[in-house]
Structure formats: C-alpha cells, structure tokens
Protein backbone atom coordinates (compact mmCIF):
# COMPACT_ATOMS: atom_id res chain seq x y z
CA UNK A 1 -32.00 6.22 -23.66
CA UNK A 2 -34.31 8.67 -24.53
CA UNK A 3 -38.21 8.34 -24.38
CA UNK A 4 -40.88 9.80 -26.28
CA UNK A 5 -43.62 10.06 -23.37
CA UNK A 6 -43.84 9.06 -19.84
CA UNK A 7 -46.09 5.65 -20.94
CA UNK A 8 -42.88 4.48 -22.82
CA UNK A 9 -40.76 5.23 -19.55
CA UNK A 10 -42.85 3.56 -17.64
CA UNK A 11 -44.09 0.37 -19.58
CA UNK A 12 -41.78 0.49 -22.60
CA UNK A 13 -44.75 1.25 -24.92
CA UNK A 14 -45.30 4.38 -26.42
CA UNK A 15 -48.71 6.33 -26.86
CA UNK A 16 -48.87 4.96 -30.38
CA UNK A 17 -48.80 1.55 -28.94
CA UNK A 18 -51.33 1.72 -25.79
CA UNK A 19 -54.98 1.03 -25.28
CA UNK A 20 -56.88 1.18 -22.16
CA UNK A 21 -59.85 -1.07 -21.65
CA UNK A 22 -62.80 0.28 -18.96
CA UNK A 23 -65.68 -1.41 -17.47
CA UNK A 24 -68.59 -0.12 -15.38
CA UNK A 25 -69.91 -2.55 -13.35
CA UNK A 26 -73.61 -2.98 -10.76
CA UNK A 27 -70.84 -3.61 -8.13
CA UNK A 28 -67.94 -5.18 -7.00
CA UNK A 29 -68.86 -8.60 -6.29
CA UNK A 30 -69.47 -10.90 -9.29
CA UNK A 31 -70.20 -13.94 -7.05
CA UNK A 32 -73.19 -11.89 -5.26
CA UNK A 33 -74.66 -11.41 -8.92
CA UNK A 34 -72.86 -8.18 -10.04
CA UNK A 35 -72.52 -7.28 -13.66
CA UNK A 36 -70.80 -5.45 -16.40
CA UNK A 37 -73.09 -2.94 -17.46
CA UNK A 38 -70.61 -1.20 -20.29
CA UNK A 39 -67.15 -1.69 -21.90
CA UNK A 40 -65.07 1.04 -23.51
CA UNK A 41 -61.75 0.61 -25.29
CA UNK A 42 -59.76 3.96 -26.23
CA UNK A 43 -56.44 4.94 -27.57
CA UNK A 44 -53.60 6.62 -24.89
CA UNK A 45 -54.95 9.91 -26.70
CA UNK A 46 -58.46 9.56 -25.52
CA UNK A 47 -59.89 8.33 -28.92
CA UNK A 48 -62.57 5.85 -28.37
CA UNK A 49 -62.36 2.66 -30.29
CA UNK A 50 -65.34 1.09 -29.13
CA UNK A 51 -68.03 1.70 -26.73
CA UNK A 52 -70.79 -0.78 -25.65
CA UNK A 53 -73.64 -0.76 -22.88
CA UNK A 54 -74.20 -4.21 -21.58
CA UNK A 55 -78.27 -4.90 -20.49
CA UNK A 56 -77.76 -6.63 -17.18
CA UNK A 57 -79.90 -9.82 -16.62
CA UNK A 58 -80.10 -9.87 -12.66
CA UNK A 59 -80.14 -6.42 -11.71
CA UNK A 60 -82.72 -3.80 -12.55
CA UNK A 61 -81.26 -0.88 -10.16
CA UNK A 62 -77.92 -0.83 -8.24
CA UNK A 63 -77.75 2.36 -5.84
CA UNK A 64 -74.68 1.21 -4.38
CA UNK A 65 -72.74 1.53 -7.40
CA UNK A 66 -74.66 4.89 -8.74
C-alpha cells in the first residue's frame, strides 16, 4: 500500500483531509476558573481557516500561563 504523506500513513487521512484545532487558555484547570482565550483552525498545510480571540469573563491576567 502506497501512502501520499506521513499523515495518511499514521491516521488513514491524507493532508488534504486534515484540519487542526488549537486553543489557548488562561490555565489548565477549568473547574478553578481557567478559560479559553483563543481558538484557531488550520489545514494540514498551515493555512488559517478560522481564528478568533475570546474575551475571558473571570480573569484579567494570567501570568502563570504566559
């Protein structure tokens, strides 16, 4: 069986059928009040499909996550 790229060999999906979701948060403990501050979606080639900042409601600063 011949694969087009490493993604297809590992997952069964070639790069043309892969999207990546990325989130940034104020920390790693949502039950203690950490929140999502951005979300992005890009294709396997690094092209930005969607990107948005999200205003945190509870925290004004998060030095431990910076």
